[in-house]
Protein backbone atom coordinates (compact mmCIF):
# COMPACT_ATOMS: atom_id res chain seq x y z
CA MET A 1 1.20 22.74 15.37
CA ILE A 2 1.89 19.24 16.61
CA GLY A 3 4.06 17.69 13.96
CA THR A 4 5.95 14.42 13.79
CA SER A 5 8.46 15.16 16.52
CA ALA A 6 7.92 12.06 18.66
CA VAL A 7 7.69 9.49 15.90
CA GLY A 8 10.01 11.45 13.65
CA GLY A 9 12.73 11.57 16.32
CA ALA A 10 12.60 7.80 16.76
CA PHE A 11 12.71 7.39 12.98
CA VAL A 12 15.78 9.64 12.72
CA ARG A 13 17.58 7.74 15.47
CA ARG A 14 16.77 4.44 13.81
CA ALA A 15 17.91 5.74 10.42
CA GLY A 16 21.17 6.97 11.99
CA SER A 17 21.82 3.54 13.48
CA LEU A 18 21.16 1.87 10.13
CA ARG A 19 23.58 4.26 8.37
CA ALA A 20 26.30 3.52 10.94
CA ALA A 21 25.79 -0.23 10.48
CA ALA A 22 25.88 0.17 6.68
CA ARG A 23 29.21 2.00 6.87
CA ALA A 24 30.67 -0.90 8.84
CA VAL A 25 29.71 -3.50 6.20
CA PRO A 26 32.61 -2.87 3.76
CA CYS A 27 35.17 -2.92 6.59
CA LEU A 28 33.75 -6.21 7.80
CA TRP A 29 33.95 -7.50 4.23
CA VAL A 30 37.68 -6.70 4.01
CA LEU A 31 38.37 -8.28 7.39
CA GLY A 32 36.42 -11.37 6.38
CA VAL A 33 38.41 -11.76 3.17
CA ILE A 34 41.72 -11.37 5.04
CA CYS A 35 40.74 -13.95 7.64
CA TRP A 36 39.54 -16.30 4.92
CA GLU A 37 42.85 -15.93 3.05
CA LEU A 38 44.93 -16.58 6.16
CA LEU A 39 42.91 -19.53 7.43
CA THR A 40 42.33 -21.44 4.18
CA PRO A 41 44.90 -23.53 2.23
CA HIS A 42 47.33 -21.49 0.18
CA HIS A 43 46.00 -22.74 -3.17
CA THR A 44 42.59 -21.11 -2.47
CA GLU A 45 42.51 -17.65 -4.08
CA VAL A 46 40.08 -15.32 -2.30
CA VAL A 47 42.07 -12.06 -2.49
CA PRO A 48 40.15 -10.87 -5.62
CA LEU A 49 37.04 -10.64 -3.45
CA ILE A 50 38.52 -7.50 -1.89
CA ALA A 51 37.72 -5.68 -5.15
CA ALA A 52 34.08 -5.66 -4.06
CA ALA A 53 34.82 -3.58 -0.93
CA PRO A 54 34.89 -0.13 -2.65
CA ALA A 55 31.63 -0.95 -4.45
CA ILE A 56 30.00 -1.99 -1.17
CA ALA A 57 31.25 1.22 0.47
CA CYS A 58 29.77 3.30 -2.36
CA ALA A 59 26.41 1.56 -2.16
CA SER A 60 26.13 1.66 1.64
CA GLY A 61 27.68 4.91 2.77
CA GLY A 62 28.31 6.92 -0.35
CA ARG A 63 31.41 8.59 1.16
CA ARG A 64 34.26 9.04 -1.31
CA GLY A 65 36.87 8.98 1.45
CA CYS A 66 35.65 5.59 2.57
CA VAL A 67 35.80 4.29 -1.00
CA LEU A 68 39.41 5.45 -1.42
CA LEU A 69 40.45 4.11 1.97
CA LEU A 70 39.09 0.67 1.28
CA GLY A 71 40.56 0.69 -2.21
CA GLY A 72 43.98 1.54 -0.78
CA ALA A 73 43.71 -1.15 1.87
CA GLY A 74 42.77 -3.67 -0.78
CA LEU A 75 45.76 -2.71 -2.89
CA LEU A 76 48.16 -3.10 0.02
CA PHE A 77 46.81 -6.51 0.83
CA ALA A 78 46.84 -7.64 -2.81
CA LEU A 79 50.47 -6.49 -3.22
CA ALA A 80 51.66 -8.07 0.02
CA PRO A 81 54.43 -10.65 -0.51
CA ALA A 82 53.19 -14.15 -0.73
CA THR A 83 55.59 -15.29 1.97
CA ALA A 84 53.87 -13.02 4.45
CA LEU A 85 50.63 -14.81 3.86
CA GLU A 86 51.56 -18.27 2.69
CA PRO A 87 53.58 -20.70 4.82
CA ASP A 88 55.55 -22.00 1.81
CA GLY A 89 55.48 -18.80 -0.24
CA GLU A 90 54.21 -20.69 -3.31
CA VAL A 91 52.48 -18.54 -5.90
CA THR A 92 50.58 -20.41 -8.58
CA ASP A 93 50.07 -17.45 -10.90
CA PRO A 94 52.62 -14.59 -10.87
CA HIS A 95 50.14 -12.26 -12.63
CA ALA A 96 47.32 -12.84 -10.13
CA PRO A 97 48.29 -9.90 -7.84
CA LEU A 98 48.43 -7.55 -10.84
CA VAL A 99 44.98 -8.64 -12.02
CA THR A 100 43.58 -8.21 -8.53
CA CYS A 101 45.12 -4.73 -8.23
CA CYS A 102 43.64 -3.67 -11.57
CA ALA A 103 40.24 -4.88 -10.47
CA ILE A 104 40.49 -3.00 -7.18
CA VAL A 105 41.64 0.21 -8.90
CA GLY A 106 38.81 0.01 -11.46
CA VAL A 107 36.11 -0.62 -8.86
CA ALA A 108 37.49 2.08 -6.54
CA LEU A 109 37.57 4.65 -9.37
CA GLY A 110 34.01 3.83 -10.41
CA GLY A 111 32.84 3.92 -6.80
CA TYR A 112 34.53 7.29 -6.25
CA LEU A 113 32.79 8.88 -9.23
CA THR A 114 29.44 7.31 -8.36
CA ALA A 115 29.72 8.40 -4.71
CA GLY A 116 30.38 11.99 -5.79
CA ARG A 117 27.30 12.03 -7.97
CA LYS A 118 25.28 10.46 -5.16
CA VAL A 119 26.38 13.16 -2.71
CA ARG A 120 25.33 15.89 -5.16
CA LEU A 121 21.93 14.26 -5.70
CA VAL A 122 21.36 13.91 -1.96
CA ARG A 123 22.25 17.56 -1.43
CA GLU A 124 19.83 18.66 -4.16
CA LEU A 125 17.12 16.45 -2.66
CA GLU A 126 17.60 18.00 0.78
CA GLU A 127 17.32 21.49 -0.74
CA LEU A 128 14.12 20.54 -2.56
CA ARG A 129 12.67 19.11 0.64
CA ALA A 130 13.48 22.32 2.48
CA VAL A 131 11.73 24.36 -0.22
CA ALA A 132 8.72 22.02 -0.19
CA ALA A 133 8.47 22.20 3.61
CA ALA A 134 8.52 26.02 3.47
CA ALA A 135 5.81 26.03 0.79
CA GLN A 136 3.66 23.60 2.77
CA ASP A 137 4.01 25.74 5.89
CA VAL A 138 2.65 28.69 3.91
CA VAL A 139 -0.44 26.68 2.89
CA LEU A 140 -1.09 25.05 6.28
CA ARG A 141 0.43 27.46 8.76
CA PRO A 142 1.37 26.36 12.28
CA LEU A 143 -1.20 27.50 14.81
CA PRO A 144 -0.28 29.80 17.69
CA ALA A 145 -0.32 28.22 21.13
CA ARG A 146 -2.76 30.87 22.35
CA LEU A 147 -5.18 33.12 20.51
CA ALA A 148 -7.41 35.71 22.23
CA GLY A 149 -7.97 33.72 25.39
CA ILE A 150 -8.12 30.31 23.70
CA GLU A 151 -5.41 27.65 23.82
CA LEU A 152 -4.89 25.96 20.45
CA ALA A 153 -3.11 22.94 19.02
CA GLY A 154 -3.35 21.34 15.61
CA GLY A 155 -1.89 18.31 13.92
CA HIS A 156 -2.00 16.75 10.50
CA LEU A 157 -1.07 13.39 8.99
CA SER A 158 -0.88 13.00 5.23
CA ALA A 159 -1.64 9.71 3.50
CA SER A 160 0.95 10.61 0.83
CA ARG A 161 4.48 9.68 1.81
CA GLY A 162 6.75 12.68 2.18
CA ALA A 163 3.93 15.24 2.13
CA ALA A 164 3.18 17.38 5.16
CA VAL A 165 0.02 18.77 3.56
CA GLY A 166 -2.74 16.78 1.91
CA GLY A 167 -6.47 17.17 1.39
CA ASP A 168 -7.29 18.33 4.93
CA LEU A 169 -7.21 21.95 6.05
CA TYR A 170 -7.62 23.99 9.22
CA GLU A 171 -6.98 27.52 10.44
CA ALA A 172 -7.79 29.73 13.43
CA LEU A 173 -7.82 33.53 13.35
CA ALA A 174 -8.44 36.28 15.88
CA THR A 175 -10.90 38.70 14.27
CA PRO A 176 -12.98 41.69 15.42
CA TYR A 177 -15.91 39.27 15.76
CA GLY A 178 -14.17 36.65 17.88
CA VAL A 179 -11.95 33.68 17.15
CA ARG A 180 -12.99 32.05 13.90
CA VAL A 181 -11.95 28.50 13.08
CA ILE A 182 -12.23 26.40 9.96
CA ILE A 183 -11.58 22.72 9.38
CA GLY A 184 -12.30 20.96 6.11
CA ASP A 185 -11.63 18.00 3.90
CA VAL A 186 -11.12 18.15 0.14
CA ARG A 187 -12.32 15.22 -1.92
CA GLY A 188 -9.35 12.93 -2.41
CA HIS A 189 -6.10 13.18 -0.51
CA GLY A 190 -2.41 13.87 -0.86
CA LEU A 191 -0.64 16.26 -3.19
CA ALA A 192 -3.44 16.41 -5.76
CA ALA A 193 -5.71 18.25 -3.32
CA ILE A 194 -3.26 20.97 -2.24
CA GLY A 195 -4.47 23.47 -4.86
CA THR A 196 -8.02 23.34 -3.55
CA VAL A 197 -6.78 23.55 0.04
CA ALA A 198 -4.84 26.71 -0.80
CA ALA A 199 -7.86 28.29 -2.50
CA VAL A 200 -10.21 27.63 0.43
CA LEU A 201 -7.75 28.70 3.13
CA GLY A 202 -6.76 31.84 1.23
CA SER A 203 -10.38 32.88 0.98
CA PHE A 204 -11.05 32.14 4.66
CA ARG A 205 -8.05 34.16 5.85
CA GLU A 206 -9.44 37.22 4.09
CA ALA A 207 -13.18 36.75 4.62
CA ALA A 208 -12.90 35.93 8.34
CA HIS A 209 -11.71 39.48 9.04
CA GLU A 210 -14.13 41.23 6.70
CA GLU A 211 -17.48 39.48 7.06
CA PRO A 212 -19.45 40.38 10.21
CA ARG A 213 -21.52 37.19 10.05
CA LEU A 214 -20.35 33.59 9.76
CA GLY A 215 -22.76 33.04 6.87
CA GLY A 216 -20.94 35.70 4.87
CA VAL A 217 -17.65 33.85 5.39
CA LEU A 218 -19.20 30.62 4.11
CA ARG A 219 -20.55 32.32 0.99
CA ARG A 220 -17.10 33.78 0.26
CA LEU A 221 -15.61 30.29 0.55
CA ASP A 222 -18.23 28.92 -1.83
CA ARG A 223 -17.47 31.58 -4.44
CA ALA A 224 -13.71 31.07 -4.09
CA LEU A 225 -14.10 27.31 -4.59
CA GLU A 226 -16.31 27.90 -7.63
CA ARG A 227 -13.66 30.17 -9.19
CA HIS A 228 -10.93 27.64 -8.45
CA LEU A 229 -12.82 24.76 -10.02
CA ARG A 230 -13.69 26.86 -13.07
CA ALA A 231 -10.05 27.82 -13.53
CA ARG A 232 -9.03 24.18 -13.28
CA ALA A 233 -11.62 23.18 -15.83
CA ASP A 234 -10.36 25.83 -18.26
CA GLY A 235 -6.83 24.45 -17.99
CA GLU A 236 -7.85 20.83 -18.60
CA CYS A 237 -9.92 18.99 -21.17
CA PRO A 238 -13.53 19.68 -20.10
CA LEU A 239 -14.73 16.31 -21.33
CA ASP A 240 -12.04 14.45 -19.47
CA SER A 241 -12.04 16.27 -16.17
CA HIS A 242 -14.06 15.37 -13.09
CA VAL A 243 -14.05 18.88 -11.66
CA ASP A 244 -17.85 18.82 -11.29
CA GLU A 245 -17.47 15.98 -8.80
CA GLU A 246 -14.98 17.76 -6.57
CA PHE A 247 -16.25 19.07 -3.26
CA VAL A 248 -15.03 20.26 0.13
CA THR A 249 -16.56 19.52 3.51
CA VAL A 250 -16.27 22.53 5.81
CA LEU A 251 -17.00 23.27 9.46
CA LEU A 252 -16.90 26.93 10.51
CA LEU A 253 -16.80 27.92 14.18
CA GLU A 254 -16.95 31.30 15.85
CA VAL A 255 -16.12 31.67 19.54
CA GLY A 256 -17.30 35.04 20.78
CA ARG A 257 -15.71 37.15 23.49
CA ASP A 258 -18.20 35.76 26.00
CA GLY A 259 -17.47 32.14 25.00
CA GLU A 260 -20.61 31.70 22.91
CA VAL A 261 -20.06 29.27 20.03
CA THR A 262 -21.81 29.43 16.66
CA ALA A 263 -21.22 27.07 13.77
CA LEU A 264 -21.99 26.34 10.15
CA ASN A 265 -21.51 22.81 8.86
CA CYS A 266 -21.24 21.69 5.24
CA GLY A 267 -21.00 17.92 5.30
CA HIS A 268 -18.27 17.74 7.95
CA PRO A 269 -18.17 15.62 11.14
CA TRP A 270 -19.28 17.54 14.23
CA PRO A 271 -16.53 18.07 16.82
CA TYR A 272 -16.17 16.44 20.22
CA ARG A 273 -16.58 18.42 23.40
CA LEU A 274 -14.21 17.56 26.25
CA ARG A 275 -15.13 18.42 29.81
CA GLU A 276 -12.96 17.94 32.86
CA GLN A 277 -14.25 15.51 35.49
CA PRO A 278 -13.66 15.65 39.26
CA VAL A 279 -12.35 12.09 39.14
CA GLY A 280 -10.91 10.18 36.19
CA PRO A 281 -10.29 11.21 32.59
CA ALA A 282 -12.20 13.92 30.77
CA LEU A 283 -15.60 13.16 29.31
CA ALA A 284 -15.72 13.20 25.48
CA ARG A 285 -19.07 13.72 23.81
CA GLN A 286 -19.75 14.41 20.15
CA THR A 287 -21.91 17.45 19.56
CA ALA A 288 -24.65 17.70 16.94
CA PRO A 289 -26.29 21.06 17.56
CA GLY A 290 -27.81 21.81 14.18
CA GLU A 291 -28.55 21.06 10.55
CA VAL A 292 -25.82 19.96 8.16
CA LEU A 293 -25.60 21.46 4.69
CA PRO A 294 -24.19 19.57 1.66
CA PRO A 295 -20.45 19.94 1.03
CA LEU A 296 -19.29 23.00 -0.86
CA GLY A 297 -19.05 22.54 -4.62
CA LEU A 298 -21.98 20.14 -5.04
CA PHE A 299 -25.01 22.43 -4.78
CA PRO A 300 -25.62 26.18 -4.43
CA LEU A 301 -25.96 27.44 -0.87
CA PRO A 302 -29.55 28.10 0.28
CA ALA A 303 -30.80 31.62 0.86
CA GLU A 304 -31.09 30.99 4.61
CA LEU A 305 -28.09 29.35 6.25
CA PRO A 306 -28.83 27.22 9.35
CA THR A 307 -26.41 28.64 11.91
CA ALA A 308 -26.07 26.38 14.95
CA ARG A 309 -25.66 27.91 18.42
CA TRP A 310 -24.04 25.86 21.17
CA GLY A 311 -24.40 28.22 24.06
CA VAL A 312 -21.42 29.37 26.10
CA LEU A 313 -18.24 27.41 26.74
CA GLU A 314 -17.35 27.07 30.39
CA THR A 315 -13.83 27.74 31.63
CA GLY A 316 -11.67 24.71 30.88
CA ASP A 317 -14.01 23.24 28.24
CA ALA A 318 -12.37 22.05 25.06
CA LEU A 319 -13.53 21.31 21.52
CA VAL A 320 -11.71 18.84 19.28
CA LEU A 321 -12.32 19.25 15.56
CA HIS A 322 -11.34 16.42 13.22
CA THR A 323 -11.68 15.15 9.68
CA ASP A 324 -13.33 11.87 8.74
CA GLY A 325 -9.93 10.24 8.26
CA ALA A 326 -9.66 9.93 12.05
CA GLU A 327 -12.93 8.05 12.52
CA ASP A 328 -12.59 5.99 9.32
CA ALA A 329 -9.04 4.76 10.03
CA ARG A 330 -8.80 0.98 10.43
CA ASP A 331 -6.30 -1.53 11.67
CA ALA A 332 -5.18 -4.68 9.85
CA GLN A 333 -8.34 -6.52 11.01
CA GLY A 334 -10.64 -3.77 9.72
CA THR A 335 -11.55 -2.35 13.14
CA PHE A 336 -12.35 1.36 13.13
CA PHE A 337 -10.29 3.70 15.25
CA PRO A 338 -12.08 4.45 18.57
CA LEU A 339 -11.73 8.21 18.42
CA ARG A 340 -13.96 9.00 21.40
CA ARG A 341 -12.04 6.67 23.71
CA ALA A 342 -8.72 7.95 22.39
CA LEU A 343 -9.78 11.53 23.17
CA SER A 344 -10.66 10.67 26.77
CA GLU A 345 -7.40 8.78 27.28
CA ALA A 346 -5.33 11.55 25.68
CA ALA A 347 -7.01 14.24 27.78
CA GLY A 348 -6.40 12.30 31.00
CA ALA A 349 -7.25 13.66 34.41
CA GLY A 350 -6.78 17.26 35.45
CA PRO A 351 -6.71 20.40 33.29
CA LEU A 352 -7.10 19.84 29.56
CA VAL A 353 -4.02 20.62 27.46
CA PRO A 354 -4.82 20.88 23.72
CA ALA A 355 -1.28 19.98 22.63
CA ALA A 356 -1.32 16.83 24.78
CA VAL A 357 -4.73 15.84 23.41
CA VAL A 358 -3.63 16.18 19.77
CA ALA A 359 -0.32 14.41 20.36
CA GLY A 360 -2.01 11.57 22.28
CA VAL A 361 -4.68 10.98 19.64
CA ARG A 362 -2.09 11.14 16.89
CA SER A 363 0.10 8.52 18.59
CA ALA A 364 -2.90 6.26 19.24
CA LEU A 365 -3.97 6.59 15.61
CA LEU A 366 -0.55 5.61 14.31
CA ARG A 367 -0.45 2.62 16.65
CA HIS A 368 -3.93 1.53 15.58
CA THR A 369 -3.17 1.71 11.85
CA GLY A 370 0.45 0.61 12.04
CA GLY A 371 1.42 3.88 10.37
CA ARG A 372 -0.50 3.00 7.18
CA LEU A 373 -3.13 5.68 6.60
CA ALA A 374 -5.76 5.37 3.89
CA ASP A 375 -6.79 9.03 4.14
CA ASP A 376 -5.41 12.30 5.45
CA VAL A 377 -6.15 13.15 9.08
CA ALA A 378 -6.40 16.59 10.67
CA LEU A 379 -7.00 17.41 14.33
CA LEU A 380 -7.56 20.79 15.97
CA ALA A 381 -8.13 21.21 19.71
CA LEU A 382 -9.11 24.47 21.41
CA ARG A 383 -9.63 25.15 25.11
CA TYR A 384 -11.58 28.13 26.40
CA ASP A 385 -9.71 29.98 29.15
CA HIS A 386 -12.42 32.48 30.05
CA CYS A 387 -10.34 35.49 29.02
CA HIS A 388 -13.04 37.92 27.90
CA LEU A 389 -12.27 40.65 25.40
CA SER A 390 -13.88 43.96 26.25
CA ALA A 391 -15.07 46.42 23.65
CA THR A 392 -12.04 48.62 24.24
CA THR A 393 -9.63 45.76 23.61
CA ALA A 394 -11.48 44.17 20.70
CA LEU A 395 -9.24 43.38 17.81
CA THR A 396 -9.52 45.50 14.73
CA ARG A 397 -8.62 43.93 11.46
CA PRO A 398 -5.00 45.25 11.31
CA ALA A 399 -4.47 44.20 14.93
CA ALA A 400 -5.85 40.77 14.18
CA ASP A 401 -3.55 40.40 11.20
CA ALA A 402 -0.55 41.42 13.29
CA HIS A 403 -1.52 39.03 16.08
CA ARG A 404 -2.07 36.14 13.67
CA GLY A 405 1.16 36.67 11.73
């Protein structure tokens, strides 16, 4: 799965530079006070300003050693003989050094205790983030780079700060019936939609291996969503909840061993098809091969499901599945994100690479929006490599589970 490596790496480097600069601030403060004391007339008392150095060190770096070091340096300077600093050695108040030292000791002690608590809180926060990241990876698992003759890449951007999973979902599985793919969008975004995402993906991961027809998979998803919404309604006040208004858009794809693609669409945007060109970037064209059903959760599924058939993918052809957050993203002037053009530019000339396509579109999207997303965005690119699966090598369900895990 294409994550936040490119932008995240730049962010980490920038954050590291800011932390290094913050640690230098208290040292610069002490040096500034010393220079001020040496360069101003002797009757100007600025030594007490050193007492602020340990507090600044605690607020900026949070390192207890730095707090103690600056506190000790402040004490030495405050206790220095007046003759070493003053040309005439005149001291207007003999108790001034003692008062300054008491202030420095008090601030340093408070900074030391506060820094220790801050370190413990930061450590607990890092542990919680690690646990949350592991839980989110279980819900939205990273895709394999290759699955039964198909190259894959996926990427996701959450509109909720600090969340790697939001209201968008996707998955690809190798099954006895071919490679089955799902992409969907839960009403709403961010952390509030994760429960519904988990329910839909959990049902798909089981039904995709068991149902011989794509319509059977969709009906299993519909029943799983119905159970999830009913359970939510039982745990909340029925009069207050808006569970009846919750829905999920879903696009199901099945790529057979011969490259034939079938699909079922419940209110989701149709994918783009990328085709390599002899000269210039790849051609991106949005497909619309069949009827679109209402999103799951709004109405019962009809008795006959309109399965769309796209024909056979040629070697090197790619499909890019996306959620509506990609097409609906806007910049500061309100201009929509040009997804089709971004796909062509990301694909470039030559062989299509799904990981490069996802990473390129993701970077272009962040540039277009300035990093401020109004909705979650999910992208999934797959490229057919013309690796046919014969009947003797077809995946059984246990083999598919082992391959996917």
